[in-house]
Amino acid sequence: MMGRGDSAAAEQQASSTAPLLEKTSSAAAEESEAASAPAEAGGGYYYYYYVDGCPGCAVERHKAANPGIPYANFIYVWIVTLCTALPISSLFPFLYFMIRDLGIAKRTEDIGFYAGFVGASFMFGRCLTSTAWGIAADRIGRKPVVMFGISSVVVFNTLFGLSVNYWMAITTRFLLGALNGLLGPIKAYAIEVCRPEHEALALSLVSTAWGIGLIIGPALGGYLALPAENFPTVFSTDSIFGRFPYFLPCLCTSIFAAVVLISCIWMPETLHKHKVHENRSQNIEALEAHLIDSKEKVEESGSLDTKKSLFRNWPLMSSIIVYCIFSFHDMAYTEVFSLWAESDKKYGGLSLSSEDVGQVLAITGASLLVYQLFLYPSINKVLGPIKSSRIAAILCIPILFAYPYMTYLSDPGLSIILNIASVIKNNLAVTIITGTFILQNNAVPQDQRGAANGLSMTGMSFFKALAPAGAGIVFSWAQKRQHAFFFPGDQMVFFLLNVVELVGLLLTFKPFLEVPEQFESR
């Protein structure tokens, strides 16, 4: 039900196809099973009408009747996001050794070069198809796109673990990215299954699961790669895990994806499957005339013009660009961290094993869960998404400058400092990404969120495709200049990461970034 003061809710409902609003008499309302309690406006009464058989209306009806947090639907948001994040970075701890074993690199210094292209192939594939998946989610529904994407994880992530040569590894990663259209639709879904007061929590769940997936994935890869060498009493060299030493972590991720796929059979659809008739659209406009003043009408008229093209929606496009810059930085950092930690100390690395790297990332993943569930909502409430993102970006810069000097430390000091730095850096990164999620999803109406998030995923995937390849090339080049005068060795790698971070920080200020009105004061 809508009261007179609920103008924001009225605008949101008017911009989407349902629930429907119609002026009617009390007698007619009593005869309709779909009508809710009336809201008085201009001497008449207006009712919400939920179309029977429409899954989107069913979700809206449930939200109206249950003002609390939709925990069951949030679980779907969590596990689907985790499912798409796990395979993205699970290969990084063992990718260095996988490239070595595939025999494509002629020299040790060239391993980073070839590793970068394997990491980039996933994002390149996703870049080509993300917008198409977003449009499909707006037309056929969020659920079918989500389930198809999870199926691709089950199939192609498994095949990647069975790669017998370098080109099979690149091909399976490319197809995994191209057919995985999960992240855009699930961000739209997260907004649609909850009331406006829970949107920050919903999107923080997406970024939390995403961040944890990008951490737990490498942890699984680090612990479970080369099982015949690390656990000889359990896995023999003649078994499938001995012949395919990188299959076990991929198989575990695929099994998890299969379980998620089955559970999604019961996931509710949120897309409305009906159209608003012309007379009802006129009634919506009549209701808005009583709920908003002339200034707000002018602003709404501008928003409707913007709705015609996502590319003319500058609040959306500016937030997507900022998101892409920080995503490029995060992906490059993820690639560099594992390569740097596992490379020999004579090249400026830490000489850690894949298991050591996995342990660091596991601790970081646990910290992300605590931070996003218990700390971030309060930080966002006080600072808002813009200020919290700026502060996080500023704090990242000195942390990254400190990384190359860790090579001079030894255990236990090295382990302690490395874990602390990794925890802080990754929590700050998730703060930034969550802020951009919030801005993007509040810049468009419900019926454009799938396409908007698909467009966002296209841009992000393109930048994330460049990041591993670029990071691998720069890392390989940096290891060959250990005695240079200007930022020798890996110092150059972390310096360039900070340059990207600084660019992203500058873009969060006006006149570049235009934010929705509700965030102007924060």
Protein backbone atom coordinates (compact mmCIF):
# COMPACT_ATOMS: atom_id res chain seq x y z
CA MET A 1 0.00 0.00 0.00
CA MET A 2 1.19 3.54 -0.72
CA GLY A 3 0.68 6.60 1.43
CA ARG A 4 0.86 10.20 0.35
CA GLY A 5 4.41 10.58 1.58
CA ASP A 6 5.74 7.71 -0.46
CA SER A 7 6.63 9.77 -3.53
CA ALA A 8 9.93 7.98 -4.06
CA ALA A 9 8.19 4.63 -4.09
CA ALA A 10 5.59 5.97 -6.52
CA GLU A 11 8.27 7.14 -8.95
CA GLN A 12 10.01 3.80 -8.79
CA GLN A 13 6.79 1.88 -9.41
CA ALA A 14 5.75 4.20 -12.24
CA SER A 15 9.04 3.65 -14.04
CA SER A 16 8.60 -0.11 -14.13
CA THR A 17 5.84 -2.25 -15.53
CA ALA A 18 4.39 -3.49 -12.24
CA PRO A 19 2.81 -3.57 -9.80
CA LEU A 20 0.06 -1.68 -11.59
CA LEU A 21 -1.76 1.36 -10.23
CA GLU A 22 -5.33 2.17 -11.18
CA LYS A 23 -7.97 4.58 -9.95
CA THR A 24 -11.15 2.73 -9.12
CA SER A 25 -14.18 2.71 -6.87
CA SER A 26 -14.30 0.90 -3.57
CA ALA A 27 -16.87 -1.53 -4.92
CA ALA A 28 -14.66 -2.43 -7.85
CA ALA A 29 -11.75 -2.87 -5.53
CA GLU A 30 -13.65 -5.27 -3.36
CA GLU A 31 -14.47 -7.38 -6.39
CA SER A 32 -10.83 -7.65 -7.43
CA GLU A 33 -8.72 -10.22 -5.68
CA ALA A 34 -5.56 -8.53 -6.83
CA ALA A 35 -6.20 -5.11 -5.30
CA SER A 36 -4.37 -4.07 -2.15
CA ALA A 37 -5.54 -1.58 0.45
CA PRO A 38 -6.34 1.84 -1.02
CA ALA A 39 -4.24 5.00 -0.91
CA GLU A 40 -6.20 8.26 -1.08
CA ALA A 41 -5.15 10.83 -3.70
CA GLY A 42 -7.19 13.80 -4.91
CA GLY A 43 -10.53 12.57 -3.62
CA GLY A 44 -10.22 9.10 -5.15
CA TYR A 45 -8.51 5.88 -4.22
CA TYR A 46 -5.60 4.16 -5.96
CA TYR A 47 -4.80 0.49 -5.70
CA TYR A 48 -1.83 -1.72 -6.49
CA TYR A 49 -2.79 -4.45 -8.92
CA TYR A 50 -0.66 -7.58 -9.09
CA VAL A 51 -1.16 -9.62 -12.22
CA ASP A 52 -1.85 -13.26 -11.52
CA GLY A 53 0.79 -15.56 -12.96
CA CYS A 54 3.42 -12.82 -13.21
CA PRO A 55 6.55 -13.86 -11.25
CA GLY A 56 7.66 -10.25 -10.85
CA CYS A 57 4.33 -9.28 -9.31
CA ALA A 58 4.58 -12.24 -6.94
CA VAL A 59 7.94 -10.95 -5.71
CA GLU A 60 6.56 -7.40 -5.36
CA ARG A 61 3.56 -8.70 -3.41
CA HIS A 62 5.87 -10.62 -1.09
CA LYS A 63 8.06 -7.54 -0.54
CA ALA A 64 4.99 -5.43 0.30
CA ALA A 65 3.77 -7.99 2.83
CA ASN A 66 7.19 -8.73 4.35
CA PRO A 67 9.23 -5.62 5.19
CA GLY A 68 12.10 -7.61 6.68
CA ILE A 69 15.31 -8.83 5.04
CA PRO A 70 14.62 -11.56 2.43
CA TYR A 71 17.19 -14.02 3.71
CA ALA A 72 16.17 -16.90 1.43
CA ASN A 73 16.54 -14.83 -1.74
CA PHE A 74 19.79 -13.32 -0.46
CA ILE A 75 21.17 -16.85 -0.16
CA TYR A 76 20.60 -17.29 -3.90
CA VAL A 77 22.38 -13.99 -4.54
CA TRP A 78 25.30 -15.16 -2.42
CA ILE A 79 25.80 -18.63 -3.87
CA VAL A 80 25.29 -17.62 -7.52
CA THR A 81 27.80 -14.78 -7.21
CA LEU A 82 30.23 -17.11 -5.46
CA CYS A 83 29.74 -19.64 -8.24
CA THR A 84 30.74 -17.15 -10.94
CA ALA A 85 33.67 -15.74 -8.96
CA LEU A 86 35.37 -18.99 -7.93
CA PRO A 87 36.60 -20.11 -11.38
CA ILE A 88 37.86 -16.63 -12.34
CA SER A 89 40.90 -16.60 -10.08
CA SER A 90 41.18 -20.19 -8.80
CA LEU A 91 43.89 -20.83 -11.40
CA PHE A 92 46.26 -18.03 -10.33
CA PRO A 93 48.15 -19.91 -7.57
CA PHE A 94 48.98 -22.81 -9.88
CA LEU A 95 49.02 -20.97 -13.21
CA TYR A 96 52.76 -20.28 -12.87
CA PHE A 97 53.44 -24.03 -12.48
CA MET A 98 50.83 -25.03 -15.08
CA ILE A 99 52.48 -22.88 -17.76
CA ARG A 100 55.84 -24.34 -16.78
CA ASP A 101 54.51 -27.92 -17.08
CA LEU A 102 52.78 -27.27 -20.42
CA GLY A 103 56.20 -26.38 -21.85
CA ILE A 104 55.16 -23.29 -23.77
CA ALA A 105 57.64 -20.94 -22.06
CA LYS A 106 61.28 -21.31 -23.15
CA ARG A 107 62.69 -19.38 -20.17
CA THR A 108 61.60 -18.94 -16.57
CA GLU A 109 61.29 -15.19 -17.09
CA ASP A 110 58.74 -15.80 -19.88
CA ILE A 111 56.25 -17.75 -17.74
CA GLY A 112 54.47 -14.56 -16.63
CA PHE A 113 54.03 -13.53 -20.28
CA TYR A 114 52.16 -16.71 -21.25
CA ALA A 115 50.27 -16.89 -17.95
CA GLY A 116 48.78 -13.46 -18.62
CA PHE A 117 47.04 -14.58 -21.81
CA VAL A 118 45.41 -17.57 -20.10
CA GLY A 119 44.08 -15.25 -17.41
CA ALA A 120 42.89 -12.74 -20.03
CA SER A 121 41.03 -15.28 -22.18
CA PHE A 122 38.18 -15.64 -19.67
CA MET A 123 37.55 -11.90 -19.48
CA PHE A 124 37.89 -11.47 -23.24
CA GLY A 125 35.15 -14.05 -23.77
CA ARG A 126 32.91 -12.38 -21.21
CA CYS A 127 33.54 -8.97 -22.74
CA LEU A 128 32.08 -10.15 -26.06
CA THR A 129 28.84 -11.50 -24.60
CA SER A 130 28.00 -9.67 -21.35
CA THR A 131 25.71 -7.07 -22.94
CA ALA A 132 23.87 -9.80 -24.86
CA TRP A 133 23.33 -11.75 -21.64
CA GLY A 134 22.05 -8.61 -19.91
CA ILE A 135 19.54 -7.96 -22.71
CA ALA A 136 18.47 -11.61 -22.58
CA ALA A 137 17.92 -11.30 -18.82
CA ASP A 138 15.61 -8.32 -19.44
CA ARG A 139 13.61 -10.25 -22.04
CA ILE A 140 13.39 -13.87 -20.91
CA GLY A 141 14.16 -13.42 -17.21
CA ARG A 142 17.01 -13.47 -14.73
CA LYS A 143 16.60 -17.13 -13.79
CA PRO A 144 17.17 -18.78 -17.24
CA VAL A 145 20.31 -16.73 -17.83
CA VAL A 146 21.63 -17.54 -14.37
CA MET A 147 21.03 -21.27 -14.76
CA PHE A 148 22.66 -21.40 -18.20
CA GLY A 149 25.70 -19.55 -16.86
CA ILE A 150 26.08 -21.97 -13.97
CA SER A 151 25.88 -24.87 -16.42
CA SER A 152 28.79 -23.40 -18.38
CA VAL A 153 30.85 -23.30 -15.18
CA VAL A 154 30.19 -26.99 -14.57
CA VAL A 155 31.27 -28.00 -18.07
CA PHE A 156 34.12 -25.72 -19.10
CA ASN A 157 35.78 -25.28 -15.72
CA THR A 158 36.07 -29.07 -15.55
CA LEU A 159 37.56 -29.21 -19.06
CA PHE A 160 40.11 -26.54 -18.15
CA GLY A 161 41.45 -28.78 -15.39
CA LEU A 162 41.92 -31.52 -17.98
CA SER A 163 43.92 -29.31 -20.38
CA VAL A 164 46.75 -31.16 -22.10
CA ASN A 165 48.26 -28.18 -23.90
CA TYR A 166 48.42 -24.40 -23.77
CA TRP A 167 45.81 -23.79 -26.47
CA MET A 168 43.24 -26.07 -24.86
CA ALA A 169 43.67 -24.10 -21.65
CA ILE A 170 43.07 -20.79 -23.45
CA THR A 171 40.07 -22.14 -25.41
CA THR A 172 38.24 -23.59 -22.40
CA ARG A 173 38.81 -20.39 -20.39
CA PHE A 174 37.49 -18.29 -23.30
CA LEU A 175 34.32 -20.38 -23.60
CA LEU A 176 33.85 -20.32 -19.83
CA GLY A 177 33.85 -16.53 -19.95
CA ALA A 178 31.72 -16.18 -23.09
CA LEU A 179 28.92 -18.44 -21.80
CA ASN A 180 28.99 -17.20 -18.22
CA GLY A 181 26.52 -14.28 -18.05
CA LEU A 182 25.87 -14.50 -14.33
CA LEU A 183 27.16 -11.36 -12.66
CA GLY A 184 25.08 -8.72 -14.47
CA PRO A 185 21.69 -10.42 -13.97
CA ILE A 186 22.43 -11.36 -10.36
CA LYS A 187 23.19 -7.73 -9.47
CA ALA A 188 19.83 -6.72 -10.93
CA TYR A 189 18.20 -9.63 -9.09
CA ALA A 190 19.74 -8.55 -5.78
CA ILE A 191 18.04 -5.15 -6.05
CA GLU A 192 14.71 -6.59 -7.14
CA VAL A 193 14.19 -9.14 -4.36
CA CYS A 194 14.45 -6.60 -1.53
CA ARG A 195 12.92 -3.32 -0.44
CA PRO A 196 14.86 -0.05 -1.02
CA GLU A 197 16.11 0.12 2.57
CA HIS A 198 17.93 -3.19 2.08
CA GLU A 199 19.59 -2.39 -1.27
CA ALA A 200 22.98 -1.54 0.26
CA LEU A 201 23.02 -4.89 2.05
CA ALA A 202 21.94 -6.70 -1.13
CA LEU A 203 24.72 -5.23 -3.24
CA SER A 204 27.25 -5.66 -0.45
CA LEU A 205 26.35 -9.36 -0.52
CA VAL A 206 27.16 -9.42 -4.25
CA SER A 207 30.52 -7.73 -3.76
CA THR A 208 31.23 -9.80 -0.63
CA ALA A 209 30.56 -13.10 -2.40
CA TRP A 210 32.48 -11.81 -5.41
CA GLY A 211 35.45 -10.77 -3.28
CA ILE A 212 35.40 -13.97 -1.25
CA GLY A 213 35.18 -16.01 -4.47
CA LEU A 214 38.22 -14.19 -5.82
CA ILE A 215 40.04 -15.12 -2.60
CA ILE A 216 38.68 -18.60 -1.80
CA GLY A 217 39.14 -19.64 -5.45
CA PRO A 218 42.90 -19.09 -5.33
CA ALA A 219 42.98 -20.67 -1.88
CA LEU A 220 41.41 -23.85 -3.31
CA GLY A 221 43.79 -23.71 -6.25
CA GLY A 222 46.77 -23.32 -3.96
CA TYR A 223 45.82 -26.12 -1.57
CA LEU A 224 44.51 -28.68 -4.08
CA ALA A 225 46.86 -28.28 -7.06
CA LEU A 226 49.50 -30.99 -7.54
CA PRO A 227 47.73 -33.41 -5.16
CA ALA A 228 49.97 -36.37 -6.06
CA GLU A 229 53.00 -34.37 -4.88
CA ASN A 230 51.40 -32.71 -1.85
CA PHE A 231 49.29 -35.67 -0.67
CA PRO A 232 51.04 -38.80 -1.99
CA THR A 233 49.32 -41.08 0.55
CA VAL A 234 45.90 -40.10 -0.82
CA PHE A 235 46.54 -39.53 -4.55
CA SER A 236 48.86 -41.77 -6.55
CA THR A 237 50.83 -40.56 -9.54
CA ASP A 238 48.94 -43.07 -11.73
CA SER A 239 45.50 -41.71 -10.81
CA ILE A 240 43.66 -39.07 -12.87
CA PHE A 241 44.79 -36.45 -10.35
CA GLY A 242 48.39 -37.51 -10.86
CA ARG A 243 48.13 -37.32 -14.66
CA PHE A 244 46.21 -34.03 -14.49
CA PRO A 245 47.76 -32.26 -11.50
CA TYR A 246 45.51 -29.17 -11.77
CA PHE A 247 42.21 -31.02 -12.18
CA LEU A 248 41.26 -31.39 -8.50
CA PRO A 249 40.69 -27.67 -7.69
CA CYS A 250 38.70 -27.27 -10.92
CA LEU A 251 36.61 -30.34 -10.12
CA CYS A 252 35.77 -29.05 -6.63
CA THR A 253 34.56 -25.74 -8.07
CA SER A 254 32.48 -27.56 -10.70
CA ILE A 255 30.85 -29.79 -8.07
CA PHE A 256 29.89 -26.72 -6.07
CA ALA A 257 28.46 -25.15 -9.25
CA ALA A 258 26.41 -28.30 -9.92
CA VAL A 259 24.89 -28.10 -6.42
CA VAL A 260 24.06 -24.41 -6.95
CA LEU A 261 22.50 -25.24 -10.34
CA ILE A 262 20.15 -27.75 -8.74
CA SER A 263 19.20 -25.34 -5.95
CA CYS A 264 18.36 -22.60 -8.49
CA ILE A 265 15.41 -24.68 -9.69
CA TRP A 266 13.51 -23.12 -6.76
CA MET A 267 14.89 -19.58 -7.23
CA PRO A 268 12.02 -17.10 -7.82
CA GLU A 269 11.98 -15.06 -11.02
CA THR A 270 11.78 -11.26 -10.60
CA LEU A 271 11.12 -10.08 -14.16
CA HIS A 272 7.56 -8.93 -14.84
CA LYS A 273 5.88 -10.94 -17.61
CA HIS A 274 3.12 -8.51 -18.65
CA LYS A 275 2.67 -5.07 -20.19
CA VAL A 276 1.10 -1.89 -18.83
CA HIS A 277 -1.97 -0.84 -20.76
CA GLU A 278 -2.28 2.73 -21.96
CA ASN A 279 -5.17 3.61 -19.65
CA ARG A 280 -3.30 2.35 -16.65
CA SER A 281 -0.23 4.33 -17.67
CA GLN A 282 -2.43 7.42 -17.69
CA ASN A 283 -3.67 6.60 -14.21
CA ILE A 284 -0.08 6.30 -13.03
CA GLU A 285 0.62 9.75 -14.40
CA ALA A 286 -2.48 11.07 -12.61
CA LEU A 287 -1.27 9.61 -9.33
CA GLU A 288 2.17 11.15 -9.82
CA ALA A 289 0.53 14.57 -10.30
CA HIS A 290 -0.65 14.40 -6.70
CA LEU A 291 2.58 13.04 -5.29
CA ILE A 292 5.30 15.17 -6.90
CA ASP A 293 5.63 18.89 -7.51
CA SER A 294 6.39 20.59 -10.82
CA LYS A 295 10.16 20.65 -10.22
CA GLU A 296 10.22 16.92 -9.65
CA LYS A 297 8.17 16.45 -12.84
CA VAL A 298 10.82 18.27 -14.86
CA GLU A 299 13.52 16.09 -13.32
CA GLU A 300 11.49 12.95 -14.02
CA SER A 301 10.96 14.06 -17.62
CA GLY A 302 14.74 14.26 -17.98
CA SER A 303 15.11 10.80 -16.47
CA LEU A 304 12.62 9.37 -18.96
CA ASP A 305 14.61 10.88 -21.82
CA THR A 306 17.74 9.28 -20.38
CA LYS A 307 15.94 5.96 -20.19
CA LYS A 308 15.78 5.84 -23.99
CA SER A 309 19.51 5.18 -24.17
CA LEU A 310 21.84 3.86 -21.51
CA PHE A 311 24.72 5.62 -23.24
CA ARG A 312 23.11 9.04 -22.59
CA ASN A 313 22.64 8.20 -18.90
CA TRP A 314 25.81 9.86 -17.59
CA PRO A 315 25.33 8.87 -13.91
CA LEU A 316 25.34 5.27 -15.14
CA MET A 317 28.15 5.62 -17.67
CA SER A 318 30.46 7.57 -15.35
CA SER A 319 30.02 5.00 -12.56
CA ILE A 320 30.68 2.18 -15.07
CA ILE A 321 33.92 3.82 -16.18
CA VAL A 322 35.09 4.22 -12.58
CA TYR A 323 34.10 0.60 -11.95
CA CYS A 324 36.11 -0.54 -14.98
CA ILE A 325 39.25 1.31 -13.86
CA PHE A 326 39.18 -0.19 -10.37
CA SER A 327 38.31 -3.63 -11.80
CA PHE A 328 41.35 -3.41 -14.06
CA HIS A 329 43.47 -2.60 -11.01
CA ASP A 330 42.01 -5.44 -8.91
CA MET A 331 42.47 -8.05 -11.63
CA ALA A 332 46.03 -6.95 -12.32
CA TYR A 333 46.75 -7.04 -8.59
CA THR A 334 45.30 -10.56 -8.28
CA GLU A 335 47.48 -11.79 -11.15
CA VAL A 336 50.61 -10.03 -9.88
CA PHE A 337 50.20 -11.10 -6.26
CA SER A 338 50.42 -14.82 -6.97
CA LEU A 339 53.20 -14.47 -9.57
CA TRP A 340 55.21 -12.19 -7.27
CA ALA A 341 54.72 -14.33 -4.15
CA GLU A 342 55.75 -17.54 -5.93
CA SER A 343 58.70 -16.16 -7.92
CA ASP A 344 62.24 -16.59 -6.62
CA LYS A 345 63.69 -14.05 -4.21
CA LYS A 346 66.53 -13.36 -6.62
CA TYR A 347 63.88 -11.86 -8.92
CA GLY A 348 62.32 -9.83 -6.10
CA GLY A 349 59.63 -12.37 -5.14
CA LEU A 350 58.95 -14.21 -1.89
CA SER A 351 59.68 -17.83 -2.97
CA LEU A 352 56.38 -19.06 -1.51
CA SER A 353 54.69 -22.30 -2.55
CA SER A 354 51.19 -22.44 -4.00
CA GLU A 355 50.01 -23.81 -0.65
CA ASP A 356 51.50 -20.80 1.19
CA VAL A 357 49.74 -18.41 -1.17
CA GLY A 358 46.49 -20.33 -0.72
CA GLN A 359 46.74 -19.95 3.05
CA VAL A 360 47.19 -16.17 2.79
CA LEU A 361 44.20 -15.89 0.48
CA ALA A 362 42.05 -18.09 2.72
CA ILE A 363 42.67 -15.79 5.68
CA THR A 364 41.87 -12.80 3.49
CA GLY A 365 38.62 -14.42 2.35
CA ALA A 366 37.49 -14.98 5.94
CA SER A 367 38.17 -11.33 6.74
CA LEU A 368 36.08 -10.21 3.76
CA LEU A 369 33.08 -12.12 5.07
CA VAL A 370 33.31 -10.47 8.49
CA TYR A 371 33.95 -7.01 7.04
CA GLN A 372 31.10 -6.97 4.52
CA LEU A 373 28.47 -8.46 6.79
CA PHE A 374 29.22 -6.52 9.97
CA LEU A 375 31.30 -3.43 9.13
CA TYR A 376 30.56 -2.24 5.60
CA PRO A 377 26.80 -1.54 6.02
CA SER A 378 27.61 0.85 8.90
CA ILE A 379 30.43 2.50 6.93
CA ASN A 380 28.15 2.99 3.93
CA LYS A 381 25.41 4.41 6.17
CA VAL A 382 27.78 7.02 7.63
CA LEU A 383 29.97 7.89 4.65
CA GLY A 384 27.94 6.80 1.65
CA PRO A 385 29.33 4.93 -1.37
CA ILE A 386 31.31 7.88 -2.78
CA LYS A 387 33.31 8.97 0.28
CA SER A 388 33.96 5.39 1.40
CA SER A 389 35.34 4.55 -2.06
CA ARG A 390 37.61 7.58 -2.10
CA ILE A 391 39.01 6.87 1.37
CA ALA A 392 39.61 3.22 0.44
CA ALA A 393 41.46 4.20 -2.75
CA ILE A 394 43.69 6.65 -0.84
CA LEU A 395 44.60 4.00 1.75
CA CYS A 396 45.46 1.42 -0.93
CA ILE A 397 48.33 3.50 -2.34
CA PRO A 398 50.81 3.33 0.59
CA ILE A 399 49.99 -0.34 1.15
CA LEU A 400 50.93 -1.22 -2.44
CA PHE A 401 54.16 0.78 -2.19
CA ALA A 402 55.17 -1.42 0.77
CA TYR A 403 54.75 -4.76 -1.02
CA PRO A 404 58.10 -5.04 -2.90
CA TYR A 405 60.06 -4.38 0.31
CA MET A 406 58.59 -7.52 1.93
CA THR A 407 61.19 -9.55 0.05
CA TYR A 408 63.72 -8.42 2.68
CA LEU A 409 61.68 -9.97 5.50
CA SER A 410 61.86 -13.52 6.79
CA ASP A 411 59.42 -15.70 8.74
CA PRO A 412 57.54 -15.28 10.97
CA GLY A 413 57.57 -11.54 10.33
CA LEU A 414 57.02 -12.01 6.58
CA SER A 415 53.94 -14.18 7.09
CA ILE A 416 52.37 -11.76 9.58
CA ILE A 417 53.00 -8.63 7.51
CA LEU A 418 51.90 -10.28 4.27
CA ASN A 419 48.61 -11.46 5.78
CA ILE A 420 47.85 -8.07 7.30
CA ALA A 421 48.60 -6.25 4.04
CA SER A 422 46.51 -8.71 2.00
CA VAL A 423 43.53 -8.43 4.38
CA ILE A 424 43.55 -4.61 4.36
CA LYS A 425 44.15 -4.29 0.61
CA ASN A 426 41.36 -6.66 -0.40
CA ASN A 427 38.81 -5.21 2.04
CA LEU A 428 39.52 -1.74 0.72
CA ALA A 429 39.10 -3.02 -2.85
CA VAL A 430 35.71 -4.56 -2.04
CA THR A 431 34.61 -1.27 -0.46
CA ILE A 432 35.27 0.52 -3.75
CA ILE A 433 33.55 -2.10 -5.91
CA THR A 434 30.46 -2.18 -3.68
CA GLY A 435 30.17 1.61 -3.88
CA THR A 436 30.18 1.51 -7.68
CA PHE A 437 27.57 -1.31 -7.64
CA ILE A 438 25.24 0.88 -5.60
CA LEU A 439 25.67 3.86 -7.94
CA GLN A 440 25.07 1.81 -11.08
CA ASN A 441 21.91 0.09 -9.90
CA ASN A 442 20.35 3.33 -8.66
CA ALA A 443 21.02 5.12 -11.96
CA VAL A 444 18.48 3.09 -13.99
CA PRO A 445 14.88 1.83 -13.57
CA GLN A 446 14.11 -1.82 -12.97
CA ASP A 447 13.40 -2.73 -16.59
CA GLN A 448 16.86 -1.53 -17.64
CA ARG A 449 18.93 -3.02 -14.83
CA GLY A 450 19.72 -6.24 -16.66
CA ALA A 451 20.96 -4.37 -19.75
CA ALA A 452 22.78 -1.79 -17.61
CA ASN A 453 24.57 -4.46 -15.63
CA GLY A 454 25.31 -6.33 -18.85
CA LEU A 455 26.85 -3.17 -20.28
CA SER A 456 28.82 -2.77 -17.06
CA MET A 457 30.03 -6.37 -17.31
CA THR A 458 31.10 -5.82 -20.93
CA GLY A 459 33.25 -2.84 -20.01
CA MET A 460 34.58 -4.49 -16.88
CA SER A 461 35.37 -7.72 -18.74
CA PHE A 462 37.26 -5.83 -21.43
CA PHE A 463 39.41 -4.11 -18.83
CA LYS A 464 39.85 -7.34 -16.89
CA ALA A 465 40.89 -9.07 -20.11
CA LEU A 466 43.60 -6.48 -20.58
CA ALA A 467 44.69 -6.63 -16.94
CA PRO A 468 46.13 -10.19 -16.70
CA ALA A 469 47.81 -9.96 -20.10
CA GLY A 470 49.22 -6.53 -19.31
CA ALA A 471 50.22 -7.51 -15.79
CA GLY A 472 51.93 -10.67 -17.05
CA ILE A 473 53.88 -8.76 -19.68
CA VAL A 474 54.91 -6.03 -17.23
CA PHE A 475 55.83 -8.59 -14.57
CA SER A 476 58.00 -10.54 -17.02
CA TRP A 477 59.67 -7.30 -18.17
CA ALA A 478 60.22 -6.07 -14.60
CA GLN A 479 61.99 -9.26 -13.57
CA LYS A 480 64.57 -8.61 -16.29
CA ARG A 481 65.47 -5.16 -14.93
CA GLN A 482 66.58 -5.97 -11.40
CA HIS A 483 69.33 -3.35 -11.38
CA ALA A 484 67.53 -0.45 -13.05
CA PHE A 485 67.79 2.99 -11.45
CA PHE A 486 64.08 3.89 -11.56
CA PHE A 487 61.92 1.43 -9.58
CA PRO A 488 63.99 -1.71 -10.23
CA GLY A 489 62.39 -5.14 -10.54
CA ASP A 490 58.97 -5.65 -8.99
CA GLN A 491 58.95 -2.11 -7.58
CA MET A 492 57.96 -0.99 -11.08
CA VAL A 493 55.01 -3.42 -11.10
CA PHE A 494 53.57 -2.05 -7.86
CA PHE A 495 54.30 1.52 -8.92
CA LEU A 496 52.18 1.04 -12.05
CA LEU A 497 49.40 -0.54 -9.97
CA ASN A 498 49.39 2.61 -7.86
CA VAL A 499 49.19 4.79 -10.98
CA VAL A 500 46.00 2.97 -11.99
CA GLU A 501 44.62 3.32 -8.45
CA LEU A 502 45.32 7.06 -8.52
CA VAL A 503 43.54 7.46 -11.87
CA GLY A 504 40.48 5.68 -10.47
CA LEU A 505 40.53 7.91 -7.38
CA LEU A 506 40.63 11.10 -9.46
CA LEU A 507 37.66 9.92 -11.53
CA THR A 508 35.45 9.69 -8.41
CA PHE A 509 35.35 13.49 -8.22
CA LYS A 510 33.27 15.99 -10.16
CA PRO A 511 32.94 16.96 -12.92
CA PHE A 512 33.59 13.40 -14.15
CA LEU A 513 31.46 11.32 -11.78
CA GLU A 514 27.80 12.26 -11.68
CA VAL A 515 25.87 10.52 -8.93
CA PRO A 516 22.14 9.93 -8.37
CA GLU A 517 20.46 12.65 -6.31
CA GLN A 518 20.01 10.52 -3.18
CA PHE A 519 23.82 10.35 -2.83
CA GLU A 520 24.56 14.02 -3.50
CA SER A 521 24.73 14.92 0.21
CA ARG A 522 27.11 12.05 0.95
